[in-house]
Amino acid sequence: MNFSKTAGSDLSSNAPKDVRLYLYYANQCDPRKCSGKKLVKFDLARQYENIGETPRGAILMDPTAEQALSRADSLKKGIIVLDCSWEHAEEMFPMLEKFDLQRRALPYLLAANPVNFGRPFRLNSAEAFAAALYIMGRKEQAEKVMSKFNWGHSFFELNEEPLKDYAAAKNSTEVVEAQSLYIDFD
């Protein structure tokens, strides 16, 4: 018998390998306050300043996407978050349409970061990564991401029920149905 490790396997643990996290940094915010840069500093995400260098087929967290993120999506290529100012988001995301990425939106969640605390859909980069990981069944990695922020626990406290419901959904349609419990579209 050959017990040597093969690429992508870990004989010492049955835990799934961490999802690769990619930060497309648009250089629009104060790097000292940037949650995405902090994740890069702790080697939890890899930074790119050119979206063309990010892995093809990865999931791009995009609030303008028509499909919600769900467990039906593949994490094989990783998750990309665009780190830009919310003031420029509407002009930034359409520029990314030409790239071969799985564009997915996060469902209704409240921000816990100090800048946008309590505001729906105004997550910072770390919160977007954590929400995506949690929804995709990677709660431990989501908690590791948010552990780098003294307010990180608040994100999970504010969104406890919605995150559980979204994580239980099998596909995008079920995520949107779960979201309707928390937001009124009328």
C-alpha atoms as a PDB file:
ATOM      1  CA  MET A   1       0.000   0.000   0.000  1.00  0.00           C
ATOM      2  CA  ASN A   2       1.114   3.480  -0.815  1.00  0.00           C
ATOM      3  CA  PHE A   3       0.148   6.038   1.838  1.00  0.00           C
ATOM      4  CA  SER A   4       1.868   9.009   0.223  1.00  0.00           C
ATOM      5  CA  LYS A   5      -0.111  12.212  -0.024  1.00  0.00           C
ATOM      6  CA  THR A   6      -1.630  13.102  -3.344  1.00  0.00           C
ATOM      7  CA  ALA A   7      -2.341  16.631  -4.470  1.00  0.00           C
ATOM      8  CA  GLY A   8      -5.353  18.040  -2.649  1.00  0.00           C
ATOM      9  CA  SER A   9      -5.604  15.273  -0.056  1.00  0.00           C
ATOM     10  CA  ASP A  10      -4.927  15.506   3.644  1.00  0.00           C
ATOM     11  CA  LEU A  11      -4.513  12.158   5.378  1.00  0.00           C
ATOM     12  CA  SER A  12      -4.232  13.777   8.811  1.00  0.00           C
ATOM     13  CA  SER A  13      -7.742  15.213   8.854  1.00  0.00           C
ATOM     14  CA  ASN A  14     -11.178  14.618   7.443  1.00  0.00           C
ATOM     15  CA  ALA A  15     -11.888  18.352   7.519  1.00  0.00           C
ATOM     16  CA  PRO A  16     -12.437  19.963   4.123  1.00  0.00           C
ATOM     17  CA  LYS A  17      -9.641  22.099   2.746  1.00  0.00           C
ATOM     18  CA  ASP A  18     -10.225  25.839   3.138  1.00  0.00           C
ATOM     19  CA  VAL A  19     -11.874  27.537   0.191  1.00  0.00           C
ATOM     20  CA  ARG A  20      -9.482  29.832  -1.659  1.00  0.00           C
ATOM     21  CA  LEU A  21     -10.384  33.482  -1.137  1.00  0.00           C
ATOM     22  CA  TYR A  22      -9.367  36.147  -3.635  1.00  0.00           C
ATOM     23  CA  LEU A  23      -9.551  39.887  -3.133  1.00  0.00           C
ATOM     24  CA  TYR A  24      -9.739  42.105  -6.197  1.00  0.00           C
ATOM     25  CA  TYR A  25      -8.470  45.337  -4.665  1.00  0.00           C
ATOM     26  CA  ALA A  26      -9.626  48.488  -6.492  1.00  0.00           C
ATOM     27  CA  ASN A  27      -7.532  50.827  -4.314  1.00  0.00           C
ATOM     28  CA  GLN A  28     -10.495  53.047  -3.398  1.00  0.00           C
ATOM     29  CA  CYS A  29     -10.413  52.923   0.394  1.00  0.00           C
ATOM     30  CA  ASP A  30      -8.035  53.594   3.239  1.00  0.00           C
ATOM     31  CA  PRO A  31      -5.771  50.495   3.316  1.00  0.00           C
ATOM     32  CA  ARG A  32      -5.386  50.832   7.096  1.00  0.00           C
ATOM     33  CA  LYS A  33      -9.154  50.379   7.565  1.00  0.00           C
ATOM     34  CA  CYS A  34      -9.704  47.898   4.746  1.00  0.00           C
ATOM     35  CA  SER A  35     -11.098  44.546   5.913  1.00  0.00           C
ATOM     36  CA  GLY A  36      -9.924  42.828   2.738  1.00  0.00           C
ATOM     37  CA  LYS A  37      -6.334  44.027   3.165  1.00  0.00           C
ATOM     38  CA  LYS A  38      -6.421  42.752   6.744  1.00  0.00           C
ATOM     39  CA  LEU A  39      -7.391  39.275   5.498  1.00  0.00           C
ATOM     40  CA  VAL A  40      -4.498  39.407   3.032  1.00  0.00           C
ATOM     41  CA  LYS A  41      -2.155  40.410   5.869  1.00  0.00           C
ATOM     42  CA  PHE A  42      -3.221  37.313   7.837  1.00  0.00           C
ATOM     43  CA  ASP A  43      -2.827  35.126   4.739  1.00  0.00           C
ATOM     44  CA  LEU A  44      -6.568  34.350   4.637  1.00  0.00           C
ATOM     45  CA  ALA A  45      -7.040  35.844   1.158  1.00  0.00           C
ATOM     46  CA  ARG A  46      -4.872  36.491  -1.867  1.00  0.00           C
ATOM     47  CA  GLN A  47      -4.891  40.009  -3.315  1.00  0.00           C
ATOM     48  CA  TYR A  48      -5.105  40.934  -6.990  1.00  0.00           C
ATOM     49  CA  GLU A  49      -5.106  44.407  -8.472  1.00  0.00           C
ATOM     50  CA  ASN A  50      -5.963  43.102 -11.944  1.00  0.00           C
ATOM     51  CA  ILE A  51      -9.217  41.120 -12.201  1.00  0.00           C
ATOM     52  CA  GLY A  52      -7.815  39.378 -15.280  1.00  0.00           C
ATOM     53  CA  GLU A  53      -5.353  37.526 -13.035  1.00  0.00           C
ATOM     54  CA  THR A  54      -8.023  35.972 -10.814  1.00  0.00           C
ATOM     55  CA  PRO A  55      -8.951  32.316 -11.425  1.00  0.00           C
ATOM     56  CA  ARG A  56     -11.436  31.715 -14.237  1.00  0.00           C
ATOM     57  CA  GLY A  57     -14.642  30.100 -13.066  1.00  0.00           C
ATOM     58  CA  ALA A  58     -14.351  31.404  -9.499  1.00  0.00           C
ATOM     59  CA  ILE A  59     -17.426  32.811  -7.778  1.00  0.00           C
ATOM     60  CA  LEU A  60     -17.513  36.606  -7.871  1.00  0.00           C
ATOM     61  CA  MET A  61     -19.640  38.038  -5.087  1.00  0.00           C
ATOM     62  CA  ASP A  62     -21.600  40.643  -7.040  1.00  0.00           C
ATOM     63  CA  PRO A  63     -24.581  42.532  -5.589  1.00  0.00           C
ATOM     64  CA  THR A  64     -25.832  43.166  -9.153  1.00  0.00           C
ATOM     65  CA  ALA A  65     -25.893  39.455 -10.086  1.00  0.00           C
ATOM     66  CA  GLU A  66     -29.221  37.894 -10.998  1.00  0.00           C
ATOM     67  CA  GLN A  67     -28.584  34.632  -9.154  1.00  0.00           C
ATOM     68  CA  ALA A  68     -28.198  34.210  -5.391  1.00  0.00           C
ATOM     69  CA  LEU A  69     -25.294  32.241  -3.969  1.00  0.00           C
ATOM     70  CA  SER A  70     -26.296  28.778  -2.765  1.00  0.00           C
ATOM     71  CA  ARG A  71     -24.892  25.374  -1.857  1.00  0.00           C
ATOM     72  CA  ALA A  72     -25.538  24.356  -5.478  1.00  0.00           C
ATOM     73  CA  ASP A  73     -22.571  26.523  -6.566  1.00  0.00           C
ATOM     74  CA  SER A  74     -19.085  25.074  -6.889  1.00  0.00           C
ATOM     75  CA  LEU A  75     -16.291  26.283  -4.613  1.00  0.00           C
ATOM     76  CA  LYS A  76     -13.553  24.505  -6.594  1.00  0.00           C
ATOM     77  CA  LYS A  77     -12.149  27.724  -8.080  1.00  0.00           C
ATOM     78  CA  GLY A  78     -12.672  29.824  -4.941  1.00  0.00           C
ATOM     79  CA  ILE A  79     -14.481  33.049  -4.090  1.00  0.00           C
ATOM     80  CA  ILE A  80     -13.613  36.545  -5.306  1.00  0.00           C
ATOM     81  CA  VAL A  81     -14.689  39.721  -3.529  1.00  0.00           C
ATOM     82  CA  LEU A  82     -14.291  43.100  -5.174  1.00  0.00           C
ATOM     83  CA  ASP A  83     -12.918  45.491  -2.590  1.00  0.00           C
ATOM     84  CA  CYS A  84     -14.093  48.908  -3.698  1.00  0.00           C
ATOM     85  CA  SER A  85     -15.938  51.865  -2.256  1.00  0.00           C
ATOM     86  CA  TRP A  86     -19.710  51.448  -2.140  1.00  0.00           C
ATOM     87  CA  GLU A  87     -19.810  54.862  -3.876  1.00  0.00           C
ATOM     88  CA  HIS A  88     -18.211  53.267  -6.974  1.00  0.00           C
ATOM     89  CA  ALA A  89     -19.771  49.798  -6.878  1.00  0.00           C
ATOM     90  CA  GLU A  90     -22.368  50.534  -9.568  1.00  0.00           C
ATOM     91  CA  GLU A  91     -19.655  51.448 -12.066  1.00  0.00           C
ATOM     92  CA  MET A  92     -17.192  48.715 -11.046  1.00  0.00           C
ATOM     93  CA  PHE A  93     -19.310  45.550 -11.305  1.00  0.00           C
ATOM     94  CA  PRO A  94     -20.483  46.037 -14.923  1.00  0.00           C
ATOM     95  CA  MET A  95     -16.804  46.278 -15.971  1.00  0.00           C
ATOM     96  CA  LEU A  96     -16.322  42.706 -14.700  1.00  0.00           C
ATOM     97  CA  GLU A  97     -19.012  41.137 -16.900  1.00  0.00           C
ATOM     98  CA  LYS A  98     -16.566  40.172 -19.660  1.00  0.00           C
ATOM     99  CA  PHE A  99     -14.587  37.884 -17.357  1.00  0.00           C
ATOM    100  CA  ASP A 100     -15.355  34.174 -17.019  1.00  0.00           C
ATOM    101  CA  LEU A 101     -16.621  34.265 -13.450  1.00  0.00           C
ATOM    102  CA  GLN A 102     -19.668  32.842 -11.683  1.00  0.00           C
ATOM    103  CA  ARG A 103     -21.462  36.026 -10.617  1.00  0.00           C
ATOM    104  CA  ARG A 104     -23.549  35.504  -7.477  1.00  0.00           C
ATOM    105  CA  ALA A 105     -25.347  37.859  -5.122  1.00  0.00           C
ATOM    106  CA  LEU A 106     -25.564  37.493  -1.393  1.00  0.00           C
ATOM    107  CA  PRO A 107     -29.052  37.507   0.084  1.00  0.00           C
ATOM    108  CA  TYR A 108     -30.337  40.028   2.610  1.00  0.00           C
ATOM    109  CA  LEU A 109     -27.890  40.425   5.509  1.00  0.00           C
ATOM    110  CA  LEU A 110     -27.058  43.254   7.893  1.00  0.00           C
ATOM    111  CA  ALA A 111     -23.597  44.783   8.101  1.00  0.00           C
ATOM    112  CA  ALA A 112     -21.834  44.639  11.457  1.00  0.00           C
ATOM    113  CA  ASN A 113     -18.775  46.648  10.461  1.00  0.00           C
ATOM    114  CA  PRO A 114     -18.387  50.024  12.188  1.00  0.00           C
ATOM    115  CA  VAL A 115     -18.919  52.042   8.991  1.00  0.00           C
ATOM    116  CA  ASN A 116     -22.252  50.494   7.954  1.00  0.00           C
ATOM    117  CA  PHE A 117     -23.488  48.827  11.153  1.00  0.00           C
ATOM    118  CA  GLY A 118     -27.081  47.616  10.835  1.00  0.00           C
ATOM    119  CA  ARG A 119     -27.432  48.618   7.184  1.00  0.00           C
ATOM    120  CA  PRO A 120     -28.748  45.881   4.893  1.00  0.00           C
ATOM    121  CA  PHE A 121     -26.622  44.768   1.931  1.00  0.00           C
ATOM    122  CA  ARG A 122     -23.700  47.049   2.951  1.00  0.00           C
ATOM    123  CA  LEU A 123     -21.223  44.338   3.884  1.00  0.00           C
ATOM    124  CA  ASN A 124     -17.515  44.957   3.742  1.00  0.00           C
ATOM    125  CA  SER A 125     -15.141  42.474   2.083  1.00  0.00           C
ATOM    126  CA  ALA A 126     -14.592  40.332   5.177  1.00  0.00           C
ATOM    127  CA  GLU A 127     -18.338  40.117   5.824  1.00  0.00           C
ATOM    128  CA  ALA A 128     -18.969  39.148   2.189  1.00  0.00           C
ATOM    129  CA  PHE A 129     -16.392  36.352   2.403  1.00  0.00           C
ATOM    130  CA  ALA A 130     -17.786  35.162   5.748  1.00  0.00           C
ATOM    131  CA  ALA A 131     -21.391  35.216   4.508  1.00  0.00           C
ATOM    132  CA  ALA A 132     -20.495  33.292   1.358  1.00  0.00           C
ATOM    133  CA  LEU A 133     -18.532  30.699   3.310  1.00  0.00           C
ATOM    134  CA  TYR A 134     -21.289  30.249   5.877  1.00  0.00           C
ATOM    135  CA  ILE A 135     -23.982  29.852   3.216  1.00  0.00           C
ATOM    136  CA  MET A 136     -21.803  27.302   1.410  1.00  0.00           C
ATOM    137  CA  GLY A 137     -21.473  25.189   4.572  1.00  0.00           C
ATOM    138  CA  ARG A 138     -18.029  26.421   5.586  1.00  0.00           C
ATOM    139  CA  LYS A 139     -18.978  27.901   8.955  1.00  0.00           C
ATOM    140  CA  GLU A 140     -15.578  27.274  10.588  1.00  0.00           C
ATOM    141  CA  GLN A 141     -13.722  29.114   7.831  1.00  0.00           C
ATOM    142  CA  ALA A 142     -16.293  31.931   8.012  1.00  0.00           C
ATOM    143  CA  GLU A 143     -15.648  32.246  11.745  1.00  0.00           C
ATOM    144  CA  LYS A 144     -11.890  32.243  11.162  1.00  0.00           C
ATOM    145  CA  VAL A 145     -12.287  35.151   8.705  1.00  0.00           C
ATOM    146  CA  MET A 146     -14.354  37.213  11.154  1.00  0.00           C
ATOM    147  CA  SER A 147     -12.132  36.369  14.143  1.00  0.00           C
ATOM    148  CA  LYS A 148      -9.639  38.957  12.885  1.00  0.00           C
ATOM    149  CA  PHE A 149     -12.038  41.798  13.751  1.00  0.00           C
ATOM    150  CA  ASN A 150     -13.088  42.823  17.258  1.00  0.00           C
ATOM    151  CA  TRP A 151     -16.634  43.354  15.931  1.00  0.00           C
ATOM    152  CA  GLY A 152     -16.608  40.099  13.910  1.00  0.00           C
ATOM    153  CA  HIS A 153     -18.825  38.150  16.317  1.00  0.00           C
ATOM    154  CA  SER A 154     -21.512  40.821  15.840  1.00  0.00           C
ATOM    155  CA  PHE A 155     -21.887  39.856  12.192  1.00  0.00           C
ATOM    156  CA  PHE A 156     -22.958  36.342  13.137  1.00  0.00           C
ATOM    157  CA  GLU A 157     -25.161  37.605  15.990  1.00  0.00           C
ATOM    158  CA  LEU A 158     -27.005  40.117  13.759  1.00  0.00           C
ATOM    159  CA  ASN A 159     -27.533  37.545  11.010  1.00  0.00           C
ATOM    160  CA  GLU A 160     -27.865  34.291  12.950  1.00  0.00           C
ATOM    161  CA  GLU A 161     -31.296  33.201  11.706  1.00  0.00           C
ATOM    162  CA  PRO A 162     -30.958  34.326   8.068  1.00  0.00           C
ATOM    163  CA  LEU A 163     -27.534  32.685   7.727  1.00  0.00           C
ATOM    164  CA  LYS A 164     -28.892  29.391   9.077  1.00  0.00           C
ATOM    165  CA  ASP A 165     -31.829  29.540   6.670  1.00  0.00           C
ATOM    166  CA  TYR A 166     -29.663  30.421   3.660  1.00  0.00           C
ATOM    167  CA  ALA A 167     -27.193  27.651   4.514  1.00  0.00           C
ATOM    168  CA  ALA A 168     -30.061  25.145   4.698  1.00  0.00           C
ATOM    169  CA  ALA A 169     -31.309  26.110   1.228  1.00  0.00           C
ATOM    170  CA  LYS A 170     -30.398  23.653  -1.544  1.00  0.00           C
ATOM    171  CA  ASN A 171     -30.320  26.134  -4.423  1.00  0.00           C
ATOM    172  CA  SER A 172     -30.648  29.766  -5.420  1.00  0.00           C
ATOM    173  CA  THR A 173     -34.443  29.620  -5.574  1.00  0.00           C
ATOM    174  CA  GLU A 174     -34.639  28.372  -1.992  1.00  0.00           C
ATOM    175  CA  VAL A 175     -32.201  31.082  -0.848  1.00  0.00           C
ATOM    176  CA  VAL A 176     -34.445  33.744  -2.387  1.00  0.00           C
ATOM    177  CA  GLU A 177     -37.490  32.133  -0.749  1.00  0.00           C
ATOM    178  CA  ALA A 178     -35.701  32.185   2.628  1.00  0.00           C
ATOM    179  CA  GLN A 179     -34.730  35.807   2.046  1.00  0.00           C
ATOM    180  CA  SER A 180     -38.406  36.729   1.703  1.00  0.00           C
ATOM    181  CA  LEU A 181     -38.792  35.961   5.424  1.00  0.00           C
ATOM    182  CA  TYR A 182     -36.425  38.844   6.228  1.00  0.00           C
ATOM    183  CA  ILE A 183     -37.129  41.454   3.576  1.00  0.00           C
ATOM    184  CA  ASP A 184     -40.305  42.879   2.137  1.00  0.00           C
ATOM    185  CA  PHE A 185     -40.016  43.359  -1.632  1.00  0.00           C
ATOM    186  CA  ASP A 186     -43.309  45.253  -1.981  1.00  0.00           C
END
